[in-house]
Amino acid sequence: MKGLIVYSSLSGNTKKIAEAIAEVAEDSELISVKEFQPSMLAHFDLFYIGYWVDKGDCDAAALRVLDLLKEQRIVLFGTLGAAEQTDYYDMVKKRVEAHAANNHILGHFLCQGAVGEAVIARYRSMLAEHPEDEHRKQQLANYENGKSHPDEQDLANARAFAQTIG
């Protein structure tokens, strides 16, 4: 089975996960979403699609690739700024999987990724204006704690996940 790992990465987080998956995904090629061509569909029988989360859903570039996949065997993976294993993770997975509903989804991996300093600065500013806002306090703490993600454990988890795909 020949696999194609296609990733979209804004800050490099999803690229790190894609590279970890590529280390263990046998007979697979790794490309960025910018390199993807629809003609590639005929040459692979397993597609790993990597995305970054934008407003609770996969980013537009990854979505364009998902829209081209019909009746394919696919694996989804992504990164987001939120802390792991929350209800938000479940909601994101459902949204992304809905875009791929006409395919055979073999698995879905999602982990925290660092957000840019501009996002952190924006939350610091919002919190300074509304210091009583508990949600913003939690978000800022999450973003601060997430600066090291994806970390070595996240990459090991991605490799272990990819090894379960058959």
C-alpha atoms as a PDB file:
ATOM      1  CA  MET A   1       0.000   0.000   0.000  1.00  0.00           C
ATOM      2  CA  LYS A   2       1.483   3.336  -1.075  1.00  0.00           C
ATOM      3  CA  GLY A   3       0.736   6.306   1.165  1.00  0.00           C
ATOM      4  CA  LEU A   4       0.891  10.043   0.676  1.00  0.00           C
ATOM      5  CA  ILE A   5       1.302  12.295   3.704  1.00  0.00           C
ATOM      6  CA  VAL A   6       0.025  15.772   2.877  1.00  0.00           C
ATOM      7  CA  TYR A   7       0.255  18.459   5.528  1.00  0.00           C
ATOM      8  CA  SER A   8      -0.762  22.083   5.923  1.00  0.00           C
ATOM      9  CA  SER A   9       1.218  23.958   8.551  1.00  0.00           C
ATOM     10  CA  LEU A  10       1.035  27.608   9.495  1.00  0.00           C
ATOM     11  CA  SER A  11       3.643  27.679  12.261  1.00  0.00           C
ATOM     12  CA  GLY A  12       5.468  24.377  11.758  1.00  0.00           C
ATOM     13  CA  ASN A  13       3.505  22.385  14.353  1.00  0.00           C
ATOM     14  CA  THR A  14       1.646  20.172  11.899  1.00  0.00           C
ATOM     15  CA  LYS A  15       4.795  19.745   9.817  1.00  0.00           C
ATOM     16  CA  LYS A  16       6.530  18.253  12.885  1.00  0.00           C
ATOM     17  CA  ILE A  17       3.693  15.766  13.333  1.00  0.00           C
ATOM     18  CA  ALA A  18       3.764  14.914   9.607  1.00  0.00           C
ATOM     19  CA  GLU A  19       7.496  14.254   9.769  1.00  0.00           C
ATOM     20  CA  ALA A  20       7.041  12.007  12.816  1.00  0.00           C
ATOM     21  CA  ILE A  21       4.355  10.029  10.983  1.00  0.00           C
ATOM     22  CA  ALA A  22       6.590   9.781   7.902  1.00  0.00           C
ATOM     23  CA  GLU A  23       9.308   8.188  10.038  1.00  0.00           C
ATOM     24  CA  VAL A  24       7.116   5.119  10.631  1.00  0.00           C
ATOM     25  CA  ALA A  25       4.589   5.084   7.760  1.00  0.00           C
ATOM     26  CA  GLU A  26       6.030   2.485   5.412  1.00  0.00           C
ATOM     27  CA  ASP A  27       6.087   3.136   1.668  1.00  0.00           C
ATOM     28  CA  SER A  28       4.859   6.714   2.078  1.00  0.00           C
ATOM     29  CA  GLU A  29       5.855  10.067   0.661  1.00  0.00           C
ATOM     30  CA  LEU A  30       5.683  13.373   2.522  1.00  0.00           C
ATOM     31  CA  ILE A  31       4.663  16.666   0.877  1.00  0.00           C
ATOM     32  CA  SER A  32       3.246  20.007   1.905  1.00  0.00           C
ATOM     33  CA  VAL A  33      -0.253  20.906   0.808  1.00  0.00           C
ATOM     34  CA  LYS A  34       1.315  23.446  -1.559  1.00  0.00           C
ATOM     35  CA  GLU A  35       2.923  20.596  -3.509  1.00  0.00           C
ATOM     36  CA  PHE A  36      -0.258  18.522  -3.791  1.00  0.00           C
ATOM     37  CA  GLN A  37      -1.701  17.992  -7.265  1.00  0.00           C
ATOM     38  CA  PRO A  38      -5.032  16.258  -7.963  1.00  0.00           C
ATOM     39  CA  SER A  39      -3.231  13.956 -10.393  1.00  0.00           C
ATOM     40  CA  MET A  40      -1.495  12.388  -7.391  1.00  0.00           C
ATOM     41  CA  LEU A  41      -4.746  10.709  -6.357  1.00  0.00           C
ATOM     42  CA  ALA A  42      -4.215   7.964  -8.928  1.00  0.00           C
ATOM     43  CA  HIS A  43      -0.797   7.004  -7.553  1.00  0.00           C
ATOM     44  CA  PHE A  44      -1.591   6.375  -3.876  1.00  0.00           C
ATOM     45  CA  ASP A  45      -4.075   4.243  -2.002  1.00  0.00           C
ATOM     46  CA  LEU A  46      -3.709   5.768   1.468  1.00  0.00           C
ATOM     47  CA  PHE A  47      -3.777   9.487   2.253  1.00  0.00           C
ATOM     48  CA  TYR A  48      -2.650  11.063   5.510  1.00  0.00           C
ATOM     49  CA  ILE A  49      -4.071  14.584   5.661  1.00  0.00           C
ATOM     50  CA  GLY A  50      -2.582  17.021   8.169  1.00  0.00           C
ATOM     51  CA  TYR A  51      -4.202  20.292   9.143  1.00  0.00           C
ATOM     52  CA  TRP A  52      -3.977  23.092  11.658  1.00  0.00           C
ATOM     53  CA  VAL A  53      -7.123  24.214  13.420  1.00  0.00           C
ATOM     54  CA  ASP A  54      -8.578  27.522  12.323  1.00  0.00           C
ATOM     55  CA  LYS A  55     -11.662  28.710  14.202  1.00  0.00           C
ATOM     56  CA  GLY A  56     -12.628  25.210  15.303  1.00  0.00           C
ATOM     57  CA  ASP A  57     -12.139  23.507  11.944  1.00  0.00           C
ATOM     58  CA  CYS A  58      -9.368  22.436   9.611  1.00  0.00           C
ATOM     59  CA  ASP A  59      -7.605  25.190   7.709  1.00  0.00           C
ATOM     60  CA  ALA A  60      -8.700  26.121   4.189  1.00  0.00           C
ATOM     61  CA  ALA A  61      -5.710  24.566   2.401  1.00  0.00           C
ATOM     62  CA  ALA A  62      -6.244  21.173   4.022  1.00  0.00           C
ATOM     63  CA  LEU A  63      -9.969  21.449   3.332  1.00  0.00           C
ATOM     64  CA  ARG A  64      -9.278  21.898  -0.393  1.00  0.00           C
ATOM     65  CA  VAL A  65      -7.396  18.589  -0.389  1.00  0.00           C
ATOM     66  CA  LEU A  66     -10.125  16.840   1.608  1.00  0.00           C
ATOM     67  CA  ASP A  67     -12.715  18.078  -0.900  1.00  0.00           C
ATOM     68  CA  LEU A  68     -10.847  16.229  -3.666  1.00  0.00           C
ATOM     69  CA  LEU A  69     -10.839  12.887  -1.841  1.00  0.00           C
ATOM     70  CA  LYS A  70     -13.717  10.551  -2.601  1.00  0.00           C
ATOM     71  CA  GLU A  71     -13.924   6.908  -1.500  1.00  0.00           C
ATOM     72  CA  GLN A  72     -10.289   6.975  -0.399  1.00  0.00           C
ATOM     73  CA  ARG A  73      -8.607   5.433   2.632  1.00  0.00           C
ATOM     74  CA  ILE A  74      -7.563   8.393   4.737  1.00  0.00           C
ATOM     75  CA  VAL A  75      -5.930   9.203   8.045  1.00  0.00           C
ATOM     76  CA  LEU A  76      -6.417  12.606   9.618  1.00  0.00           C
ATOM     77  CA  PHE A  77      -4.017  14.437  11.901  1.00  0.00           C
ATOM     78  CA  GLY A  78      -3.802  17.965  13.175  1.00  0.00           C
ATOM     79  CA  THR A  79      -2.618  20.478  15.727  1.00  0.00           C
ATOM     80  CA  LEU A  80      -4.423  23.177  17.663  1.00  0.00           C
ATOM     81  CA  GLY A  81      -3.699  25.670  20.399  1.00  0.00           C
ATOM     82  CA  ALA A  82      -6.078  24.173  22.958  1.00  0.00           C
ATOM     83  CA  ALA A  83      -5.022  21.915  25.796  1.00  0.00           C
ATOM     84  CA  GLU A  84      -5.365  18.242  25.035  1.00  0.00           C
ATOM     85  CA  GLN A  85      -8.325  15.941  25.461  1.00  0.00           C
ATOM     86  CA  THR A  86     -11.041  18.504  25.959  1.00  0.00           C
ATOM     87  CA  ASP A  87     -14.552  18.653  24.565  1.00  0.00           C
ATOM     88  CA  TYR A  88     -13.141  21.123  22.056  1.00  0.00           C
ATOM     89  CA  TYR A  89     -10.925  18.346  20.651  1.00  0.00           C
ATOM     90  CA  ASP A  90     -13.964  16.150  20.119  1.00  0.00           C
ATOM     91  CA  MET A  91     -15.836  18.969  18.402  1.00  0.00           C
ATOM     92  CA  VAL A  92     -12.895  19.717  16.085  1.00  0.00           C
ATOM     93  CA  LYS A  93     -12.515  16.051  15.162  1.00  0.00           C
ATOM     94  CA  LYS A  94     -16.223  15.784  14.318  1.00  0.00           C
ATOM     95  CA  ARG A  95     -16.102  18.881  12.125  1.00  0.00           C
ATOM     96  CA  VAL A  96     -13.024  17.723  10.234  1.00  0.00           C
ATOM     97  CA  GLU A  97     -14.361  14.191   9.837  1.00  0.00           C
ATOM     98  CA  ALA A  98     -17.587  15.602   8.401  1.00  0.00           C
ATOM     99  CA  HIS A  99     -15.519  17.065   5.533  1.00  0.00           C
ATOM    100  CA  ALA A 100     -14.150  13.576   4.867  1.00  0.00           C
ATOM    101  CA  ALA A 101     -17.395  11.654   5.351  1.00  0.00           C
ATOM    102  CA  ASN A 102     -17.339  10.228   1.814  1.00  0.00           C
ATOM    103  CA  ASN A 103     -14.041   8.455   2.551  1.00  0.00           C
ATOM    104  CA  HIS A 104     -12.889   5.597   4.751  1.00  0.00           C
ATOM    105  CA  ILE A 105     -11.362   7.274   7.815  1.00  0.00           C
ATOM    106  CA  LEU A 106      -8.846   4.897   9.391  1.00  0.00           C
ATOM    107  CA  GLY A 107      -7.859   7.131  12.293  1.00  0.00           C
ATOM    108  CA  HIS A 108      -7.572  10.670  13.587  1.00  0.00           C
ATOM    109  CA  PHE A 109      -4.733  12.133  15.657  1.00  0.00           C
ATOM    110  CA  LEU A 110      -4.897  15.568  17.228  1.00  0.00           C
ATOM    111  CA  CYS A 111      -2.458  17.263  19.599  1.00  0.00           C
ATOM    112  CA  GLN A 112      -1.617  20.641  21.028  1.00  0.00           C
ATOM    113  CA  GLY A 113       0.674  22.935  19.127  1.00  0.00           C
ATOM    114  CA  ALA A 114       2.232  26.210  20.130  1.00  0.00           C
ATOM    115  CA  VAL A 115       0.437  29.359  19.070  1.00  0.00           C
ATOM    116  CA  GLY A 116       2.259  32.403  17.764  1.00  0.00           C
ATOM    117  CA  GLU A 117       3.489  35.166  20.032  1.00  0.00           C
ATOM    118  CA  ALA A 118       1.003  37.554  18.386  1.00  0.00           C
ATOM    119  CA  VAL A 119      -1.898  35.439  19.669  1.00  0.00           C
ATOM    120  CA  ILE A 120      -0.408  35.344  23.166  1.00  0.00           C
ATOM    121  CA  ALA A 121       0.138  39.116  23.091  1.00  0.00           C
ATOM    122  CA  ARG A 122      -3.467  39.651  21.982  1.00  0.00           C
ATOM    123  CA  TYR A 123      -4.748  37.552  24.903  1.00  0.00           C
ATOM    124  CA  ARG A 124      -2.490  39.431  27.337  1.00  0.00           C
ATOM    125  CA  SER A 125      -3.947  42.686  26.052  1.00  0.00           C
ATOM    126  CA  MET A 126      -7.537  41.426  26.298  1.00  0.00           C
ATOM    127  CA  LEU A 127      -6.898  40.176  29.817  1.00  0.00           C
ATOM    128  CA  ALA A 128      -5.391  43.530  30.834  1.00  0.00           C
ATOM    129  CA  GLU A 129      -8.640  45.168  29.717  1.00  0.00           C
ATOM    130  CA  HIS A 130     -10.803  42.557  31.482  1.00  0.00           C
ATOM    131  CA  PRO A 131      -8.742  41.052  34.333  1.00  0.00           C
ATOM    132  CA  GLU A 132     -11.802  39.285  35.751  1.00  0.00           C
ATOM    133  CA  ASP A 133     -12.395  37.221  32.583  1.00  0.00           C
ATOM    134  CA  GLU A 134     -11.743  33.629  33.686  1.00  0.00           C
ATOM    135  CA  HIS A 135     -12.023  32.222  30.168  1.00  0.00           C
ATOM    136  CA  ARG A 136      -9.296  34.527  28.870  1.00  0.00           C
ATOM    137  CA  LYS A 137      -7.137  33.696  31.907  1.00  0.00           C
ATOM    138  CA  GLN A 138      -7.479  29.991  31.105  1.00  0.00           C
ATOM    139  CA  GLN A 139      -6.770  30.526  27.414  1.00  0.00           C
ATOM    140  CA  LEU A 140      -3.656  32.589  28.125  1.00  0.00           C
ATOM    141  CA  ALA A 141      -2.387  29.995  30.609  1.00  0.00           C
ATOM    142  CA  ASN A 142      -3.030  27.257  28.048  1.00  0.00           C
ATOM    143  CA  TYR A 143      -1.151  29.137  25.332  1.00  0.00           C
ATOM    144  CA  GLU A 144       1.759  29.853  27.683  1.00  0.00           C
ATOM    145  CA  ASN A 145       1.912  26.173  28.730  1.00  0.00           C
ATOM    146  CA  GLY A 146       1.639  25.056  25.117  1.00  0.00           C
ATOM    147  CA  LYS A 147       4.771  26.866  23.908  1.00  0.00           C
ATOM    148  CA  SER A 148       6.753  23.610  23.877  1.00  0.00           C
ATOM    149  CA  HIS A 149       4.208  21.648  21.833  1.00  0.00           C
ATOM    150  CA  PRO A 150       4.345  19.519  19.889  1.00  0.00           C
ATOM    151  CA  ASP A 151       6.963  18.129  22.244  1.00  0.00           C
ATOM    152  CA  GLU A 152       8.845  14.829  22.160  1.00  0.00           C
ATOM    153  CA  GLN A 153       5.926  13.005  23.794  1.00  0.00           C
ATOM    154  CA  ASP A 154       3.517  14.384  21.184  1.00  0.00           C
ATOM    155  CA  LEU A 155       5.852  13.202  18.414  1.00  0.00           C
ATOM    156  CA  ALA A 156       6.164   9.763  20.030  1.00  0.00           C
ATOM    157  CA  ASN A 157       2.360   9.610  20.278  1.00  0.00           C
ATOM    158  CA  ALA A 158       2.068  10.517  16.575  1.00  0.00           C
ATOM    159  CA  ARG A 159       4.527   7.747  15.638  1.00  0.00           C
ATOM    160  CA  ALA A 160       2.649   5.228  17.787  1.00  0.00           C
ATOM    161  CA  PHE A 161      -0.647   6.331  16.227  1.00  0.00           C
ATOM    162  CA  ALA A 162       0.738   5.920  12.691  1.00  0.00           C
ATOM    163  CA  GLN A 163       1.975   2.439  13.490  1.00  0.00           C
ATOM    164  CA  THR A 164      -1.597   1.366  14.274  1.00  0.00           C
ATOM    165  CA  ILE A 165      -2.775   2.209  10.748  1.00  0.00           C
ATOM    166  CA  GLY A 166      -3.008  -0.830   8.533  1.00  0.00           C
END
